[in-house]
Amino acid sequence: MKALVVLSHLMTKDGILEVESEARAQLAIDKFSSNKYGCLITIGWAYRDDSTTPIANVVKKHIAEHSAIDEGSIISLTKSRDTVGDAFFCLEFFADLEITELHIITSDYHVKRTKIIFDSIFNSQVVVEVFGVSTLAGGDISIMQHEEQSLEAFFKTFKGVDFSSNKSIFEAISTRHPFYNGEIYDAISCK
């Protein structure tokens, strides 16, 4: 099975997608409508202090309202807090499904990091292809430096991890990653 995953970016407190998130959703609509995918995944948590709505649900609703794609065929994963979580919670979701290809939609400046993280988490067991919407941030040196720093943090967090073991990946995320170990946000635990 080939799956399409759209990574979320930002939204307003009223659940309106900002420009980059909207562009990602539109690319998801275009790709899903013209290719044979087994499923469409939206991903992202309720990250705003002034809203309890997960951005994955907002992206799902936006796609359903702006396309002929049935909302019932779009799956929202709402636990992810960053790209590492996006990859891990996708891996968890697809655990019992025979997935051969994973197509991921993000932004141009985020393609390299997304590809490395998803390839690592999925242990190169599926074909990962990443598509980036065009943004003004692609040429911004501070954004590119942030991407490199985030990649270095990923390598540090997952140093020595056995990517063939979901348990080993979860252990690293839940004990070493500040978004998931209780350092910055509430700690996660096994399902």
N, C-alpha and C. Protein backbone atom coordinates (compact mmCIF):
# COMPACT_ATOMS: atom_id res chain seq x y z
N MET A 1 0.84 -1.18 0.00
CA MET A 1 0.00 0.00 0.00
C MET A 1 0.88 1.24 0.00
N LYS A 2 0.43 2.25 -0.71
CA LYS A 2 1.09 3.54 -0.75
C LYS A 2 0.24 4.51 0.08
N ALA A 3 0.88 5.25 1.00
CA ALA A 3 0.17 6.18 1.86
C ALA A 3 0.69 7.60 1.68
N LEU A 4 -0.19 8.56 1.87
CA LEU A 4 0.16 9.98 1.78
C LEU A 4 -0.01 10.60 3.16
N VAL A 5 1.03 11.29 3.63
CA VAL A 5 1.01 11.94 4.94
C VAL A 5 1.29 13.42 4.74
N VAL A 6 0.44 14.26 5.31
CA VAL A 6 0.68 15.70 5.24
C VAL A 6 1.05 16.19 6.64
N LEU A 7 2.27 16.74 6.76
CA LEU A 7 2.73 17.28 8.03
C LEU A 7 2.13 18.67 8.21
N SER A 8 1.70 18.95 9.43
CA SER A 8 1.08 20.24 9.72
C SER A 8 2.13 21.28 10.04
N HIS A 9 1.73 22.55 9.97
CA HIS A 9 2.63 23.63 10.33
C HIS A 9 1.97 24.50 11.38
N LEU A 10 1.26 25.56 10.98
CA LEU A 10 0.65 26.48 11.95
C LEU A 10 -0.80 26.77 11.60
N MET A 11 -1.55 27.22 12.63
CA MET A 11 -2.94 27.65 12.45
C MET A 11 -3.22 28.76 13.46
N THR A 12 -4.33 29.46 13.25
CA THR A 12 -4.75 30.48 14.22
C THR A 12 -5.49 29.82 15.37
N LYS A 13 -5.75 30.58 16.42
CA LYS A 13 -6.50 30.03 17.56
C LYS A 13 -7.91 29.63 17.16
N ASP A 14 -8.42 30.21 16.08
CA ASP A 14 -9.76 29.89 15.60
C ASP A 14 -9.78 28.71 14.62
N GLY A 15 -8.64 28.07 14.45
CA GLY A 15 -8.58 26.90 13.58
C GLY A 15 -8.51 27.22 12.10
N ILE A 16 -7.92 28.35 11.77
CA ILE A 16 -7.70 28.72 10.37
C ILE A 16 -6.24 28.41 10.05
N LEU A 17 -6.02 27.63 9.00
CA LEU A 17 -4.65 27.30 8.61
C LEU A 17 -3.92 28.52 8.10
N GLU A 18 -2.66 28.68 8.51
CA GLU A 18 -1.86 29.77 7.94
C GLU A 18 -1.39 29.34 6.55
N VAL A 19 -0.79 30.26 5.83
CA VAL A 19 -0.48 30.07 4.41
C VAL A 19 0.29 28.79 4.12
N GLU A 20 1.33 28.52 4.89
CA GLU A 20 2.16 27.34 4.64
C GLU A 20 1.37 26.04 4.87
N SER A 21 0.58 26.01 5.94
CA SER A 21 -0.25 24.82 6.20
C SER A 21 -1.28 24.63 5.11
N GLU A 22 -1.85 25.73 4.65
CA GLU A 22 -2.85 25.66 3.58
C GLU A 22 -2.22 25.14 2.28
N ALA A 23 -1.00 25.60 1.99
CA ALA A 23 -0.30 25.13 0.79
C ALA A 23 0.00 23.63 0.88
N ARG A 24 0.37 23.17 2.06
CA ARG A 24 0.61 21.74 2.25
C ARG A 24 -0.68 20.95 2.04
N ALA A 25 -1.78 21.45 2.59
CA ALA A 25 -3.08 20.78 2.43
C ALA A 25 -3.47 20.72 0.96
N GLN A 26 -3.23 21.81 0.23
CA GLN A 26 -3.58 21.84 -1.20
C GLN A 26 -2.75 20.83 -1.99
N LEU A 27 -1.47 20.73 -1.67
CA LEU A 27 -0.63 19.74 -2.35
C LEU A 27 -1.12 18.32 -2.03
N ALA A 28 -1.55 18.11 -0.80
CA ALA A 28 -2.11 16.80 -0.42
C ALA A 28 -3.35 16.49 -1.24
N ILE A 29 -4.21 17.48 -1.42
CA ILE A 29 -5.42 17.31 -2.23
C ILE A 29 -5.03 16.93 -3.66
N ASP A 30 -4.10 17.69 -4.23
CA ASP A 30 -3.67 17.44 -5.62
C ASP A 30 -3.08 16.04 -5.78
N LYS A 31 -2.19 15.66 -4.87
CA LYS A 31 -1.52 14.35 -4.98
C LYS A 31 -2.51 13.21 -4.73
N PHE A 32 -3.33 13.34 -3.70
CA PHE A 32 -4.27 12.27 -3.36
C PHE A 32 -5.29 12.07 -4.47
N SER A 33 -5.71 13.16 -5.08
CA SER A 33 -6.72 13.09 -6.14
C SER A 33 -6.18 12.50 -7.44
N SER A 34 -4.87 12.59 -7.65
CA SER A 34 -4.31 12.13 -8.92
C SER A 34 -3.46 10.86 -8.81
N ASN A 35 -3.33 10.30 -7.63
CA ASN A 35 -2.54 9.08 -7.44
C ASN A 35 -3.36 8.05 -6.69
N LYS A 36 -2.89 6.84 -6.69
CA LYS A 36 -3.58 5.77 -5.98
C LYS A 36 -2.92 5.56 -4.61
N TYR A 37 -3.53 6.16 -3.62
CA TYR A 37 -3.07 6.01 -2.24
C TYR A 37 -4.08 5.20 -1.46
N GLY A 38 -3.59 4.38 -0.54
CA GLY A 38 -4.48 3.61 0.32
C GLY A 38 -5.09 4.44 1.42
N CYS A 39 -4.38 5.52 1.81
CA CYS A 39 -4.92 6.39 2.85
C CYS A 39 -4.23 7.75 2.83
N LEU A 40 -4.90 8.70 3.45
CA LEU A 40 -4.39 10.06 3.61
C LEU A 40 -4.34 10.34 5.11
N ILE A 41 -3.17 10.68 5.60
CA ILE A 41 -2.97 10.93 7.02
C ILE A 41 -2.67 12.41 7.23
N THR A 42 -3.37 13.01 8.21
CA THR A 42 -3.00 14.35 8.67
C THR A 42 -2.43 14.15 10.07
N ILE A 43 -1.52 15.02 10.45
CA ILE A 43 -0.81 14.76 11.70
C ILE A 43 -0.51 16.05 12.44
N GLY A 44 -0.61 16.02 13.76
CA GLY A 44 -0.28 17.17 14.60
C GLY A 44 -1.22 17.32 15.78
N TRP A 45 -0.69 17.79 16.86
CA TRP A 45 -1.40 17.88 18.13
C TRP A 45 -2.07 19.24 18.35
N ALA A 46 -2.70 19.41 19.50
CA ALA A 46 -3.29 20.69 19.89
C ALA A 46 -2.18 21.51 20.53
N TYR A 47 -1.36 22.13 19.70
CA TYR A 47 -0.13 22.78 20.16
C TYR A 47 -0.34 24.18 20.72
N ARG A 48 -1.49 24.80 20.42
CA ARG A 48 -1.72 26.18 20.86
C ARG A 48 -2.27 26.20 22.28
N ASP A 49 -1.76 27.14 23.09
CA ASP A 49 -2.27 27.30 24.46
C ASP A 49 -3.70 27.81 24.47
N ASP A 50 -4.11 28.47 23.38
CA ASP A 50 -5.44 29.08 23.33
C ASP A 50 -6.44 28.26 22.50
N SER A 51 -6.12 27.00 22.24
CA SER A 51 -7.01 26.14 21.47
C SER A 51 -6.80 24.67 21.87
N THR A 52 -7.90 23.94 21.97
CA THR A 52 -7.80 22.51 22.31
C THR A 52 -7.93 21.63 21.07
N THR A 53 -8.00 22.26 19.90
CA THR A 53 -8.18 21.51 18.66
C THR A 53 -6.83 21.10 18.07
N PRO A 54 -6.62 19.81 17.85
CA PRO A 54 -5.38 19.37 17.20
C PRO A 54 -5.32 19.88 15.76
N ILE A 55 -4.17 20.33 15.34
CA ILE A 55 -4.02 20.84 13.98
C ILE A 55 -4.28 19.74 12.95
N ALA A 56 -4.04 18.49 13.30
CA ALA A 56 -4.35 17.38 12.37
C ALA A 56 -5.83 17.39 11.99
N ASN A 57 -6.69 17.69 12.96
CA ASN A 57 -8.14 17.74 12.69
C ASN A 57 -8.51 18.93 11.82
N VAL A 58 -7.81 20.05 12.01
CA VAL A 58 -8.07 21.25 11.21
C VAL A 58 -7.65 21.00 9.76
N VAL A 59 -6.50 20.38 9.56
CA VAL A 59 -6.03 20.06 8.21
C VAL A 59 -7.01 19.08 7.55
N LYS A 60 -7.44 18.08 8.29
CA LYS A 60 -8.41 17.10 7.77
C LYS A 60 -9.68 17.81 7.30
N LYS A 61 -10.21 18.68 8.14
CA LYS A 61 -11.44 19.41 7.80
C LYS A 61 -11.22 20.29 6.57
N HIS A 62 -10.09 20.96 6.52
CA HIS A 62 -9.77 21.83 5.38
C HIS A 62 -9.73 21.02 4.08
N ILE A 63 -9.07 19.88 4.11
CA ILE A 63 -8.97 19.04 2.92
C ILE A 63 -10.36 18.58 2.49
N ALA A 64 -11.17 18.15 3.44
CA ALA A 64 -12.52 17.68 3.12
C ALA A 64 -13.39 18.79 2.53
N GLU A 65 -13.24 20.01 3.07
CA GLU A 65 -14.06 21.14 2.61
C GLU A 65 -13.60 21.71 1.27
N HIS A 66 -12.35 21.45 0.89
CA HIS A 66 -11.79 22.04 -0.33
C HIS A 66 -11.49 21.01 -1.41
N SER A 67 -12.11 19.84 -1.30
CA SER A 67 -11.87 18.79 -2.29
C SER A 67 -13.05 17.83 -2.32
N ALA A 68 -12.95 16.87 -3.21
CA ALA A 68 -13.97 15.81 -3.29
C ALA A 68 -13.57 14.61 -2.44
N ILE A 69 -12.50 14.74 -1.67
CA ILE A 69 -12.04 13.65 -0.81
C ILE A 69 -12.99 13.53 0.38
N ASP A 70 -13.50 12.33 0.59
CA ASP A 70 -14.42 12.07 1.69
C ASP A 70 -13.67 12.19 3.02
N GLU A 71 -14.22 12.99 3.93
CA GLU A 71 -13.58 13.21 5.23
C GLU A 71 -13.37 11.89 5.98
N GLY A 72 -14.25 10.93 5.75
CA GLY A 72 -14.12 9.63 6.40
C GLY A 72 -12.91 8.83 5.95
N SER A 73 -12.33 9.20 4.82
CA SER A 73 -11.15 8.48 4.33
C SER A 73 -9.84 9.16 4.74
N ILE A 74 -9.96 10.23 5.52
CA ILE A 74 -8.77 10.95 6.01
C ILE A 74 -8.59 10.59 7.49
N ILE A 75 -7.41 10.17 7.85
CA ILE A 75 -7.12 9.74 9.22
C ILE A 75 -6.25 10.79 9.89
N SER A 76 -6.68 11.26 11.07
CA SER A 76 -5.91 12.23 11.84
C SER A 76 -5.16 11.53 12.97
N LEU A 77 -3.86 11.76 13.03
CA LEU A 77 -3.04 11.29 14.14
C LEU A 77 -2.69 12.51 14.98
N THR A 78 -3.12 12.54 16.23
CA THR A 78 -3.08 13.79 17.01
C THR A 78 -2.10 13.79 18.19
N LYS A 79 -1.17 12.85 18.24
CA LYS A 79 -0.22 12.82 19.36
C LYS A 79 1.12 13.49 19.04
N SER A 80 1.40 13.69 17.78
CA SER A 80 2.71 14.17 17.36
C SER A 80 2.92 15.64 17.68
N ARG A 81 4.11 15.95 18.18
CA ARG A 81 4.47 17.33 18.56
C ARG A 81 5.58 17.91 17.69
N ASP A 82 6.17 17.09 16.81
CA ASP A 82 7.26 17.55 15.95
C ASP A 82 7.51 16.49 14.87
N THR A 83 8.52 16.70 14.06
CA THR A 83 8.80 15.79 12.95
C THR A 83 9.16 14.38 13.42
N VAL A 84 9.92 14.29 14.50
CA VAL A 84 10.26 12.98 15.05
C VAL A 84 8.98 12.25 15.47
N GLY A 85 8.10 12.96 16.15
CA GLY A 85 6.82 12.37 16.54
C GLY A 85 5.98 12.01 15.33
N ASP A 86 6.01 12.86 14.30
CA ASP A 86 5.28 12.55 13.06
C ASP A 86 5.70 11.18 12.55
N ALA A 87 7.01 10.97 12.48
CA ALA A 87 7.53 9.70 11.96
C ALA A 87 7.17 8.54 12.89
N PHE A 88 7.37 8.72 14.19
CA PHE A 88 7.11 7.63 15.13
C PHE A 88 5.63 7.24 15.17
N PHE A 89 4.74 8.23 15.24
CA PHE A 89 3.32 7.90 15.33
C PHE A 89 2.77 7.35 14.01
N CYS A 90 3.40 7.73 12.90
CA CYS A 90 3.06 7.07 11.62
C CYS A 90 3.51 5.61 11.66
N LEU A 91 4.73 5.38 12.13
CA LEU A 91 5.24 4.01 12.24
C LEU A 91 4.30 3.17 13.11
N GLU A 92 3.89 3.73 14.22
CA GLU A 92 2.97 3.03 15.13
C GLU A 92 1.64 2.73 14.44
N PHE A 93 1.11 3.72 13.71
CA PHE A 93 -0.17 3.55 13.02
C PHE A 93 -0.07 2.46 11.94
N PHE A 94 1.02 2.46 11.20
CA PHE A 94 1.18 1.53 10.08
C PHE A 94 1.71 0.16 10.50
N ALA A 95 1.90 -0.07 11.79
CA ALA A 95 2.52 -1.31 12.27
C ALA A 95 1.88 -2.58 11.72
N ASP A 96 0.57 -2.61 11.63
CA ASP A 96 -0.12 -3.82 11.17
C ASP A 96 -0.59 -3.75 9.72
N LEU A 97 -0.15 -2.73 9.01
CA LEU A 97 -0.53 -2.57 7.61
C LEU A 97 0.68 -2.83 6.72
N GLU A 98 0.43 -3.35 5.56
CA GLU A 98 1.53 -3.61 4.62
C GLU A 98 1.76 -2.37 3.76
N ILE A 99 2.61 -1.50 4.26
CA ILE A 99 2.90 -0.27 3.54
C ILE A 99 4.22 -0.44 2.79
N THR A 100 4.22 -0.02 1.53
CA THR A 100 5.43 -0.14 0.71
C THR A 100 6.03 1.22 0.39
N GLU A 101 5.16 2.23 0.29
CA GLU A 101 5.62 3.59 -0.02
C GLU A 101 4.94 4.59 0.89
N LEU A 102 5.71 5.56 1.34
CA LEU A 102 5.20 6.63 2.17
C LEU A 102 5.57 7.95 1.51
N HIS A 103 4.58 8.69 1.07
CA HIS A 103 4.80 10.00 0.48
C HIS A 103 4.42 11.04 1.51
N ILE A 104 5.34 11.97 1.77
CA ILE A 104 5.15 12.95 2.83
C ILE A 104 5.18 14.35 2.24
N ILE A 105 4.24 15.16 2.69
CA ILE A 105 4.17 16.55 2.25
C ILE A 105 4.58 17.46 3.40
N THR A 106 5.50 18.37 3.10
CA THR A 106 5.98 19.34 4.07
C THR A 106 6.31 20.62 3.31
N SER A 107 7.28 21.38 3.79
CA SER A 107 7.72 22.60 3.11
C SER A 107 9.13 22.41 2.55
N ASP A 108 9.48 23.22 1.56
CA ASP A 108 10.76 23.06 0.85
C ASP A 108 11.97 23.01 1.78
N TYR A 109 12.02 23.88 2.77
CA TYR A 109 13.17 23.95 3.66
C TYR A 109 13.24 22.74 4.62
N HIS A 110 12.18 21.98 4.73
CA HIS A 110 12.05 20.89 5.70
C HIS A 110 12.19 19.51 5.06
N VAL A 111 12.37 19.46 3.74
CA VAL A 111 12.42 18.18 3.01
C VAL A 111 13.58 17.30 3.46
N LYS A 112 14.78 17.85 3.52
CA LYS A 112 15.96 17.05 3.86
C LYS A 112 15.82 16.41 5.23
N ARG A 113 15.46 17.20 6.24
CA ARG A 113 15.34 16.68 7.60
C ARG A 113 14.22 15.64 7.69
N THR A 114 13.10 15.93 7.04
CA THR A 114 11.97 14.99 7.06
C THR A 114 12.38 13.64 6.47
N LYS A 115 13.07 13.67 5.35
CA LYS A 115 13.51 12.44 4.68
C LYS A 115 14.44 11.63 5.59
N ILE A 116 15.40 12.28 6.20
CA ILE A 116 16.34 11.58 7.08
C ILE A 116 15.62 10.97 8.28
N ILE A 117 14.74 11.73 8.89
CA ILE A 117 14.03 11.25 10.08
C ILE A 117 13.10 10.09 9.73
N PHE A 118 12.30 10.23 8.69
CA PHE A 118 11.38 9.14 8.32
C PHE A 118 12.14 7.90 7.84
N ASP A 119 13.20 8.08 7.06
CA ASP A 119 14.01 6.93 6.65
C ASP A 119 14.58 6.20 7.87
N SER A 120 15.04 6.97 8.85
CA SER A 120 15.61 6.36 10.06
C SER A 120 14.54 5.63 10.87
N ILE A 121 13.45 6.30 11.18
CA ILE A 121 12.39 5.72 12.01
C ILE A 121 11.78 4.49 11.33
N PHE A 122 11.59 4.57 10.02
CA PHE A 122 11.03 3.43 9.29
C PHE A 122 12.11 2.42 8.89
N ASN A 123 13.36 2.68 9.33
CA ASN A 123 14.48 1.76 9.14
C ASN A 123 14.67 1.36 7.68
N SER A 124 14.39 2.29 6.79
CA SER A 124 14.51 2.08 5.34
C SER A 124 13.73 0.85 4.85
N GLN A 125 12.66 0.49 5.56
CA GLN A 125 11.83 -0.66 5.18
C GLN A 125 10.75 -0.30 4.18
N VAL A 126 10.50 0.99 4.00
CA VAL A 126 9.54 1.47 3.00
C VAL A 126 10.22 2.55 2.17
N VAL A 127 9.70 2.78 0.99
CA VAL A 127 10.21 3.86 0.15
C VAL A 127 9.61 5.16 0.68
N VAL A 128 10.46 6.08 1.09
CA VAL A 128 10.01 7.37 1.60
C VAL A 128 10.33 8.43 0.56
N GLU A 129 9.30 9.14 0.15
CA GLU A 129 9.47 10.25 -0.79
C GLU A 129 8.86 11.49 -0.15
N VAL A 130 9.60 12.59 -0.16
CA VAL A 130 9.14 13.81 0.50
C VAL A 130 8.96 14.92 -0.53
N PHE A 131 7.83 15.59 -0.44
CA PHE A 131 7.49 16.70 -1.34
C PHE A 131 7.37 17.97 -0.52
N GLY A 132 8.02 19.03 -0.97
CA GLY A 132 7.98 20.29 -0.23
C GLY A 132 7.29 21.39 -1.01
N VAL A 133 6.33 22.04 -0.35
CA VAL A 133 5.70 23.20 -0.99
C VAL A 133 6.69 24.35 -0.97
N SER A 134 6.61 25.19 -1.97
CA SER A 134 7.52 26.32 -2.09
C SER A 134 7.16 27.39 -1.05
N THR A 135 8.20 27.88 -0.36
CA THR A 135 8.00 28.93 0.64
C THR A 135 9.07 30.00 0.48
N LEU A 136 8.87 31.11 1.13
CA LEU A 136 9.90 32.16 1.16
C LEU A 136 11.02 31.79 2.13
N ALA A 137 10.74 30.85 3.03
CA ALA A 137 11.71 30.47 4.05
C ALA A 137 12.84 29.60 3.50
N GLY A 138 12.65 29.04 2.31
CA GLY A 138 13.65 28.16 1.72
C GLY A 138 15.03 28.78 1.58
N GLY A 139 15.10 30.08 1.43
CA GLY A 139 16.38 30.76 1.29
C GLY A 139 16.82 31.48 2.55
N ASP A 140 16.08 31.36 3.62
CA ASP A 140 16.37 32.04 4.88
C ASP A 140 17.45 31.27 5.64
N ILE A 141 18.59 31.93 5.83
CA ILE A 141 19.73 31.26 6.45
C ILE A 141 19.43 30.81 7.88
N SER A 142 18.66 31.60 8.64
CA SER A 142 18.36 31.22 10.02
C SER A 142 17.45 29.98 10.07
N ILE A 143 16.55 29.87 9.11
CA ILE A 143 15.68 28.68 9.03
C ILE A 143 16.53 27.46 8.69
N MET A 144 17.43 27.61 7.75
CA MET A 144 18.28 26.49 7.35
C MET A 144 19.21 26.07 8.49
N GLN A 145 19.70 27.04 9.27
CA GLN A 145 20.53 26.72 10.43
C GLN A 145 19.71 25.95 11.47
N HIS A 146 18.46 26.38 11.67
CA HIS A 146 17.57 25.69 12.60
C HIS A 146 17.35 24.24 12.14
N GLU A 147 17.16 24.04 10.85
CA GLU A 147 16.98 22.69 10.31
C GLU A 147 18.20 21.82 10.62
N GLU A 148 19.39 22.36 10.43
CA GLU A 148 20.62 21.61 10.69
C GLU A 148 20.77 21.31 12.18
N GLN A 149 20.45 22.30 13.04
CA GLN A 149 20.53 22.08 14.49
C GLN A 149 19.53 21.01 14.93
N SER A 150 18.35 21.04 14.35
CA SER A 150 17.33 20.03 14.68
C SER A 150 17.78 18.64 14.25
N LEU A 151 18.44 18.57 13.11
CA LEU A 151 18.96 17.29 12.63
C LEU A 151 20.06 16.76 13.56
N GLU A 152 20.93 17.67 14.01
CA GLU A 152 21.98 17.27 14.96
C GLU A 152 21.35 16.76 16.26
N ALA A 153 20.30 17.44 16.72
CA ALA A 153 19.60 17.01 17.94
C ALA A 153 18.97 15.63 17.74
N PHE A 154 18.44 15.39 16.54
CA PHE A 154 17.86 14.07 16.23
C PHE A 154 18.93 12.99 16.34
N PHE A 155 20.08 13.22 15.72
CA PHE A 155 21.16 12.22 15.76
C PHE A 155 21.64 11.97 17.20
N LYS A 156 21.70 13.04 17.99
CA LYS A 156 22.12 12.91 19.39
C LYS A 156 21.08 12.11 20.18
N THR A 157 19.82 12.44 20.00
CA THR A 157 18.74 11.76 20.72
C THR A 157 18.69 10.27 20.39
N PHE A 158 18.96 9.93 19.15
CA PHE A 158 18.81 8.54 18.71
C PHE A 158 20.14 7.79 18.56
N LYS A 159 21.20 8.35 19.12
CA LYS A 159 22.50 7.68 19.04
C LYS A 159 22.40 6.31 19.72
N GLY A 160 22.81 5.27 18.98
CA GLY A 160 22.80 3.92 19.52
C GLY A 160 21.45 3.21 19.50
N VAL A 161 20.43 3.86 18.95
CA VAL A 161 19.09 3.26 18.93
C VAL A 161 19.00 2.21 17.83
N ASP A 162 18.35 1.11 18.15
CA ASP A 162 18.07 0.05 17.18
C ASP A 162 16.77 0.40 16.46
N PHE A 163 16.88 0.93 15.25
CA PHE A 163 15.69 1.36 14.51
C PHE A 163 14.85 0.19 14.00
N SER A 164 15.32 -1.03 14.17
CA SER A 164 14.49 -2.18 13.80
C SER A 164 13.52 -2.54 14.93
N SER A 165 13.65 -1.86 16.06
CA SER A 165 12.82 -2.14 17.24
C SER A 165 11.98 -0.92 17.61
N ASN A 166 10.65 -1.05 17.47
CA ASN A 166 9.77 0.05 17.86
C ASN A 166 9.93 0.37 19.34
N LYS A 167 10.18 -0.66 20.14
CA LYS A 167 10.38 -0.47 21.58
C LYS A 167 11.60 0.41 21.84
N SER A 168 12.67 0.17 21.11
CA SER A 168 13.90 0.95 21.26
C SER A 168 13.68 2.40 20.83
N ILE A 169 12.93 2.59 19.75
CA ILE A 169 12.61 3.95 19.28
C ILE A 169 11.78 4.67 20.33
N PHE A 170 10.73 3.99 20.83
CA PHE A 170 9.86 4.59 21.84
C PHE A 170 10.66 4.95 23.09
N GLU A 171 11.54 4.07 23.51
CA GLU A 171 12.37 4.30 24.69
C GLU A 171 13.18 5.59 24.52
N ALA A 172 13.78 5.78 23.35
CA ALA A 172 14.57 6.99 23.09
C ALA A 172 13.69 8.24 23.11
N ILE A 173 12.54 8.17 22.45
CA ILE A 173 11.64 9.33 22.42
C ILE A 173 11.16 9.67 23.82
N SER A 174 10.71 8.66 24.56
CA SER A 174 10.08 8.91 25.86
C SER A 174 11.06 9.25 26.97
N THR A 175 12.35 8.99 26.76
CA THR A 175 13.33 9.32 27.81
C THR A 175 14.31 10.42 27.42
N ARG A 176 14.57 10.60 26.11
CA ARG A 176 15.59 11.56 25.68
C ARG A 176 15.06 12.79 24.97
N HIS A 177 13.86 12.72 24.44
CA HIS A 177 13.34 13.83 23.63
C HIS A 177 12.53 14.78 24.52
N PRO A 178 12.95 16.05 24.63
CA PRO A 178 12.30 16.98 25.56
C PRO A 178 10.82 17.26 25.28
N PHE A 179 10.36 17.04 24.07
CA PHE A 179 8.93 17.24 23.77
C PHE A 179 8.08 16.07 24.27
N TYR A 180 8.71 14.94 24.59
CA TYR A 180 7.97 13.73 24.95
C TYR A 180 8.36 13.14 26.31
N ASN A 181 9.45 13.60 26.93
CA ASN A 181 9.90 13.00 28.19
C ASN A 181 9.48 13.78 29.43
N GLY A 182 8.65 14.81 29.27
CA GLY A 182 8.18 15.58 30.40
C GLY A 182 8.98 16.85 30.66
N GLU A 183 10.07 17.04 29.94
CA GLU A 183 10.91 18.22 30.12
C GLU A 183 10.20 19.51 29.70
N ILE A 184 9.55 19.49 28.54
CA ILE A 184 8.86 20.67 28.02
C ILE A 184 7.35 20.47 28.04
N TYR A 185 6.90 19.33 27.56
CA TYR A 185 5.47 18.98 27.55
C TYR A 185 5.28 17.70 28.35
N ASP A 186 4.04 17.34 28.60
CA ASP A 186 3.74 16.12 29.35
C ASP A 186 4.45 14.91 28.74
N ALA A 187 4.92 14.05 29.61
CA ALA A 187 5.58 12.82 29.15
C ALA A 187 4.57 11.88 28.51
N ILE A 188 5.04 11.11 27.55
CA ILE A 188 4.18 10.10 26.91
C ILE A 188 4.47 8.75 27.55
N SER A 189 3.50 7.86 27.42
CA SER A 189 3.69 6.50 27.92
C SER A 189 3.17 5.53 26.87
N CYS A 190 3.49 4.26 27.06
CA CYS A 190 3.01 3.24 26.11
C CYS A 190 1.51 3.27 26.02
N LYS A 191 1.00 2.86 24.82
CA LYS A 191 -0.44 2.87 24.63
C LYS A 191 -1.14 1.86 25.49
